[in-house]
């Protein structure tokens, strides 16, 4: 490199250092730390504390019409390598049965899983089922678009070892939980861009969940299903718990008096958050025992 080029390049560096001095760098660093602290404080104010839990249980015990809306994967059970392996254990079934047997309670599983699986496990998405009634759809839906999207997903399964496709009644899901994290992040971004281009003129939505990308009719979302339940009667107590982006549609349509809880940290419309599936089950157990103690 000639002397002239070295001088020219050093001028650029020197100009940058004049603008972005050690003092300014240090201020930026401290500001970043303060932002992290502020985020921690914001999250701590939303945590479902013991005080809030006591109030929730008190409102529950005084209510005569209660609606409890529960996501399944990542909320009631931990995520499994394969969706079919997340079958509810006897302990969970007993807990839900205990809650459901209370005549004041309506327990609703708001899940994207297919109705056959939910029927087999619990004896709901685009299909809704009330107690002792048949499954019914919110509205007629087409899934012709799947023939165009499925080959694209298959290409990304081939290109991303460990990923797989789940075919639901009105949606397709690409799972990448079991893949190499770095490769999966790249492939997920690529796939989402491809899908957004393919579906630009279709009535189809591309949703990112917890290590999944789901393609479905835009008319299908958990919020619409929840509105069906909310409109059925005047509820004194509403509790909704979910863990991912699809559950934000639930939180968005709840009445102001409802208790909404996100499982895990992160931005959410929910009023509160809990750290884990274990904490969710502990809360539900406390609720189920509330009237037993009275």
Protein backbone atom coordinates (compact mmCIF):
# COMPACT_ATOMS: atom_id res chain seq x y z
CA UNK A 1 0.00 0.00 0.00
CA UNK A 2 1.43 3.37 -0.97
CA UNK A 3 1.97 6.14 1.59
CA UNK A 4 -0.76 8.20 -0.04
CA UNK A 5 -3.33 5.37 0.31
CA UNK A 6 -2.33 4.75 3.93
CA UNK A 7 -2.79 8.46 4.71
CA UNK A 8 -6.18 8.51 2.97
CA UNK A 9 -7.45 5.46 4.87
CA UNK A 10 -6.16 6.77 8.19
CA UNK A 11 -8.03 10.03 7.60
CA UNK A 12 -11.31 8.08 7.48
CA UNK A 13 -10.47 6.27 10.73
CA UNK A 14 -9.40 9.49 12.44
CA UNK A 15 -12.59 11.24 11.40
CA UNK A 16 -14.64 8.38 12.83
CA UNK A 17 -12.70 8.48 16.10
CA UNK A 18 -13.33 12.21 16.38
CA UNK A 19 -17.06 11.57 16.11
CA UNK A 20 -17.12 8.33 18.10
CA UNK A 21 -14.59 8.91 20.84
CA UNK A 22 -13.81 6.68 23.84
CA UNK A 23 -16.12 8.86 25.93
CA UNK A 24 -19.03 8.39 23.54
CA UNK A 25 -18.36 4.65 23.27
CA UNK A 26 -18.41 4.38 27.09
CA UNK A 27 -21.70 6.31 27.25
CA UNK A 28 -23.23 3.98 24.64
CA UNK A 29 -22.03 0.98 26.61
CA UNK A 30 -23.55 2.25 29.86
CA UNK A 31 -26.79 3.20 28.07
CA UNK A 32 -27.03 -0.35 26.71
CA UNK A 33 -26.60 -1.75 30.22
CA UNK A 34 -29.32 0.57 31.52
CA UNK A 35 -31.67 -0.57 28.75
CA UNK A 36 -31.14 -4.20 29.79
CA UNK A 37 -31.87 -3.25 33.40
CA UNK A 38 -35.02 -1.42 32.33
CA UNK A 39 -36.16 -4.47 30.36
CA UNK A 40 -35.58 -6.65 33.43
CA UNK A 41 -37.65 -4.26 35.55
CA UNK A 42 -40.46 -4.19 32.96
CA UNK A 43 -40.52 -7.97 32.88
CA UNK A 44 -40.46 -8.25 36.66
CA UNK A 45 -43.53 -6.04 36.93
CA UNK A 46 -45.39 -8.43 34.59
CA UNK A 47 -44.33 -11.60 36.36
CA UNK A 48 -47.22 -13.45 37.96
CA UNK A 49 -46.10 -12.77 41.53
CA UNK A 50 -47.45 -14.50 44.63
CA UNK A 51 -49.51 -11.39 45.39
CA UNK A 52 -51.16 -11.43 41.94
CA UNK A 53 -51.68 -15.20 42.17
CA UNK A 54 -53.54 -14.76 45.49
CA UNK A 55 -55.77 -12.11 43.92
CA UNK A 56 -56.41 -14.36 40.88
CA UNK A 57 -57.42 -17.26 43.13
CA UNK A 58 -59.68 -14.97 45.15
CA UNK A 59 -61.48 -13.70 42.01
CA UNK A 60 -61.78 -17.29 40.81
CA UNK A 61 -63.33 -18.53 44.06
CA UNK A 62 -65.95 -15.74 44.04
CA UNK A 63 -66.95 -16.31 40.40
CA UNK A 64 -69.82 -18.50 39.25
CA UNK A 65 -69.08 -18.55 35.49
CA UNK A 66 -65.44 -19.19 34.61
CA UNK A 67 -63.76 -19.58 31.24
CA UNK A 68 -60.25 -21.06 31.25
CA UNK A 69 -58.48 -21.05 27.87
CA UNK A 70 -55.34 -23.16 27.59
CA UNK A 71 -52.84 -23.66 24.79
CA UNK A 72 -51.39 -27.18 24.74
CA UNK A 73 -47.79 -27.53 23.44
CA UNK A 74 -45.37 -25.39 25.42
CA UNK A 75 -48.08 -24.50 27.93
CA UNK A 76 -49.56 -27.68 29.39
CA UNK A 77 -46.78 -29.97 28.16
CA UNK A 78 -43.15 -29.51 27.20
CA UNK A 79 -42.30 -29.55 23.50
CA UNK A 80 -41.47 -33.00 22.15
CA UNK A 81 -39.19 -34.04 19.29
CA UNK A 82 -42.26 -35.21 17.40
CA UNK A 83 -45.76 -33.73 17.95
CA UNK A 84 -47.31 -37.17 18.50
CA UNK A 85 -44.97 -37.79 21.45
CA UNK A 86 -46.51 -34.94 23.47
CA UNK A 87 -49.38 -37.12 24.65
CA UNK A 88 -50.78 -35.91 28.00
CA UNK A 89 -49.71 -37.93 31.04
CA UNK A 90 -52.24 -39.23 33.53
CA UNK A 91 -51.31 -36.48 36.01
CA UNK A 92 -52.26 -33.75 33.51
CA UNK A 93 -55.46 -35.52 32.49
CA UNK A 94 -56.47 -35.84 36.13
CA UNK A 95 -55.78 -32.14 36.71
CA UNK A 96 -57.86 -31.05 33.70
CA UNK A 97 -60.63 -33.49 34.65
CA UNK A 98 -60.72 -32.03 38.14
CA UNK A 99 -61.14 -28.52 36.73
CA UNK A 100 -63.67 -29.58 34.09
CA UNK A 101 -65.88 -31.44 36.56
CA UNK A 102 -66.57 -28.19 38.41
CA UNK A 103 -69.93 -27.04 36.99
CA UNK A 104 -68.83 -23.39 37.25
CA UNK A 105 -65.88 -24.00 34.91
CA UNK A 106 -65.57 -24.18 31.13
CA UNK A 107 -62.12 -25.55 30.26
CA UNK A 108 -61.15 -25.00 26.61
CA UNK A 109 -58.03 -26.34 24.91
CA UNK A 110 -57.15 -23.83 22.17
CA UNK A 111 -54.79 -25.86 20.01
CA UNK A 112 -53.65 -26.04 16.42
CA UNK A 113 -53.53 -29.83 16.63
CA UNK A 114 -55.95 -31.84 14.53
CA UNK A 115 -59.33 -32.80 15.97
CA UNK A 116 -58.69 -36.55 15.75
CA UNK A 117 -55.68 -36.24 18.05
CA UNK A 118 -57.52 -34.00 20.50
CA UNK A 119 -60.54 -36.30 20.44
CA UNK A 120 -58.29 -39.24 21.25
CA UNK A 121 -56.42 -37.39 24.00
CA UNK A 122 -59.23 -35.40 25.59
CA UNK A 123 -62.43 -37.28 24.43
CA UNK A 124 -60.50 -28.17 19.13
CA UNK A 125 -58.52 -24.18 15.78
CA UNK A 126 -60.68 -24.27 12.73
CA UNK A 127 -62.91 -26.80 14.49
CA UNK A 128 -64.85 -26.19 17.68
CA UNK A 129 -66.39 -28.80 19.91
CA UNK A 130 -68.60 -28.19 22.92
CA UNK A 131 -69.34 -30.75 25.59
CA UNK A 132 -71.29 -33.73 24.24
CA UNK A 133 -71.62 -32.12 20.81
CA UNK A 134 -70.11 -32.74 17.40
CA UNK A 135 -67.17 -30.88 15.84
CA UNK A 136 -68.11 -27.86 13.75
CA UNK A 137 -66.13 -25.30 11.77
CA UNK A 138 -66.23 -21.55 12.32
CA UNK A 139 -66.70 -21.17 8.56
CA UNK A 140 -66.13 -23.27 5.39
CA UNK A 141 -62.47 -23.24 4.35
CA UNK A 142 -60.49 -24.37 1.31
CA UNK A 143 -57.08 -26.02 1.38
CA UNK A 144 -56.32 -26.31 -2.36
CA UNK A 145 -53.25 -24.11 -1.82
CA UNK A 146 -51.50 -26.98 0.02
CA UNK A 147 -50.59 -28.74 -3.26
CA UNK A 148 -48.48 -25.71 -4.21
CA UNK A 149 -46.86 -25.16 -0.81
CA UNK A 150 -46.09 -28.76 0.18
CA UNK A 151 -43.34 -29.34 -2.46
CA UNK A 152 -41.57 -26.18 -1.24
CA UNK A 153 -41.59 -27.44 2.34
CA UNK A 154 -40.29 -30.82 1.18
CA UNK A 155 -37.30 -29.12 -0.46
CA UNK A 156 -36.47 -27.43 2.86
CA UNK A 157 -36.83 -30.72 4.73
CA UNK A 158 -34.25 -32.20 2.35
CA UNK A 159 -31.97 -29.19 2.83
CA UNK A 160 -32.31 -29.07 6.64
CA UNK A 161 -31.51 -32.36 8.42
CA UNK A 162 -33.78 -32.94 11.42
CA UNK A 163 -36.68 -30.84 10.12
CA UNK A 164 -40.05 -32.33 9.19
CA UNK A 165 -43.52 -31.40 7.95
CA UNK A 166 -46.73 -31.74 9.92
CA UNK A 167 -49.87 -31.82 7.78
CA UNK A 168 -52.96 -30.51 9.58
CA UNK A 169 -56.50 -30.23 8.29
CA UNK A 170 -56.22 -26.57 7.29
CA UNK A 171 -52.53 -25.84 7.60
CA UNK A 172 -48.99 -27.07 6.95
CA UNK A 173 -46.23 -26.77 9.54
CA UNK A 174 -42.48 -26.96 9.06
CA UNK A 175 -40.76 -28.00 12.32
CA UNK A 176 -37.07 -27.30 12.90
CA UNK A 177 -36.65 -27.83 16.66
CA UNK A 178 -34.30 -30.79 16.17
CA UNK A 179 -31.98 -29.08 13.66
CA UNK A 180 -28.60 -27.45 14.02
CA UNK A 181 -29.44 -23.99 15.41
CA UNK A 182 -27.31 -21.94 12.99
CA UNK A 183 -28.41 -23.81 9.88
CA UNK A 184 -32.05 -23.76 11.02
CA UNK A 185 -31.98 -19.98 11.52
CA UNK A 186 -30.71 -19.47 7.96
CA UNK A 187 -33.15 -21.95 6.40
CA UNK A 188 -36.12 -20.58 8.38
CA UNK A 189 -35.47 -17.05 7.11
CA UNK A 190 -35.05 -18.32 3.54
CA UNK A 191 -38.23 -20.39 3.71
CA UNK A 192 -40.28 -17.57 5.19
CA UNK A 193 -39.19 -15.22 2.39
CA UNK A 194 -40.06 -17.82 -0.25
CA UNK A 195 -43.46 -18.52 1.31
CA UNK A 196 -44.33 -14.84 1.65
CA UNK A 197 -43.67 -14.39 -2.07
CA UNK A 198 -45.69 -17.47 -2.99
CA UNK A 199 -48.68 -16.50 -0.85
CA UNK A 200 -48.70 -12.75 -1.61
CA UNK A 201 -51.88 -13.00 -3.71
CA UNK A 202 -53.52 -15.78 -1.71
CA UNK A 203 -55.70 -15.63 1.39
CA UNK A 204 -52.93 -17.48 3.22
CA UNK A 205 -50.86 -16.45 6.23
CA UNK A 206 -47.29 -17.42 7.13
CA UNK A 207 -46.83 -17.58 10.90
CA UNK A 208 -43.66 -18.12 12.93
CA UNK A 209 -44.11 -20.05 16.16
CA UNK A 210 -41.72 -21.72 18.58
CA UNK A 211 -39.25 -23.40 16.18
CA UNK A 212 -41.99 -23.79 13.57
CA UNK A 213 -43.31 -22.01 10.48
CA UNK A 214 -47.00 -22.55 9.86
CA UNK A 215 -48.90 -21.80 6.65
CA UNK A 216 -52.67 -21.54 7.01
CA UNK A 217 -55.81 -19.73 5.90
CA UNK A 218 -55.77 -16.20 7.28
CA UNK A 219 -59.33 -16.67 8.54
CA UNK A 220 -58.10 -19.28 10.99
CA UNK A 221 -56.64 -18.03 14.25
CA UNK A 222 -57.07 -18.73 17.92
CA UNK A 223 -58.57 -15.29 18.52
CA UNK A 224 -61.61 -16.12 16.38
CA UNK A 225 -62.14 -19.38 18.21
CA UNK A 226 -61.91 -17.60 21.57
CA UNK A 227 -64.46 -14.97 20.51
CA UNK A 228 -66.92 -17.81 19.92
CA UNK A 229 -66.52 -18.91 23.52
CA UNK A 230 -66.50 -15.41 25.05
CA UNK A 231 -69.80 -14.58 23.32
CA UNK A 232 -71.61 -17.61 24.77
CA UNK A 233 -72.34 -16.09 28.19
CA UNK A 234 -71.39 -13.45 30.75
CA UNK A 235 -68.19 -14.78 32.31
CA UNK A 236 -67.16 -13.61 35.81
CA UNK A 237 -63.64 -15.00 35.45
CA UNK A 238 -61.53 -15.47 32.30
CA UNK A 239 -58.03 -16.94 32.32
CA UNK A 240 -55.94 -17.52 29.16
CA UNK A 241 -52.46 -19.10 29.07
CA UNK A 242 -50.26 -19.58 25.99
CA UNK A 243 -46.62 -19.57 24.99
CA UNK A 244 -46.09 -18.46 21.38
CA UNK A 245 -47.03 -16.04 18.60
CA UNK A 246 -50.28 -17.82 17.72
CA UNK A 247 -51.53 -17.24 21.27
CA UNK A 248 -51.19 -13.47 20.86
CA UNK A 249 -54.46 -13.60 18.88
CA UNK A 250 -56.11 -14.92 22.05
CA UNK A 251 -54.67 -12.21 24.29
CA UNK A 252 -55.75 -9.52 21.80
CA UNK A 253 -59.49 -10.32 22.02
CA UNK A 254 -59.83 -10.91 25.76
CA UNK A 255 -61.89 -8.54 27.92
CA UNK A 256 -59.94 -6.09 30.10
CA UNK A 257 -60.86 -8.01 33.24
CA UNK A 258 -59.30 -11.25 31.99
CA UNK A 259 -56.09 -12.72 33.32
CA UNK A 260 -53.76 -13.39 30.39
CA UNK A 261 -50.46 -15.21 30.93
CA UNK A 262 -47.59 -15.89 28.53
CA UNK A 263 -45.32 -18.85 29.24
CA UNK A 264 -41.71 -17.67 28.94
CA UNK A 265 -40.08 -14.28 28.48
CA UNK A 266 -40.57 -12.00 25.51
CA UNK A 267 -42.80 -9.29 24.13
CA UNK A 268 -46.48 -10.15 24.49
CA UNK A 269 -50.00 -8.73 24.74
CA UNK A 270 -50.46 -10.85 27.85
CA UNK A 271 -50.67 -9.00 31.16
CA UNK A 272 -48.39 -11.43 32.98
CA UNK A 273 -45.84 -14.13 32.32
CA UNK A 274 -44.80 -17.40 33.96
CA UNK A 275 -41.47 -19.10 33.50
CA UNK A 276 -42.40 -22.65 32.57
CA UNK A 277 -44.89 -25.47 32.00
CA UNK A 278 -44.20 -26.57 35.58
CA UNK A 279 -45.36 -23.17 36.91
CA UNK A 280 -48.51 -23.33 34.75
CA UNK A 281 -49.44 -26.73 36.11
CA UNK A 282 -48.80 -25.54 39.67
CA UNK A 283 -51.16 -22.60 39.11
CA UNK A 284 -53.87 -24.85 37.67
CA UNK A 285 -53.48 -27.23 40.59
CA UNK A 286 -53.92 -24.31 43.03
CA UNK A 287 -57.07 -23.32 41.13
CA UNK A 288 -58.45 -26.86 41.19
CA UNK A 289 -57.88 -27.10 44.96
CA UNK A 290 -59.29 -23.66 45.74
CA UNK A 291 -62.89 -24.73 46.22
CA UNK A 292 -61.92 -28.05 47.77
CA UNK A 293 -60.38 -26.14 50.65
CA UNK A 294 -63.42 -23.89 51.11
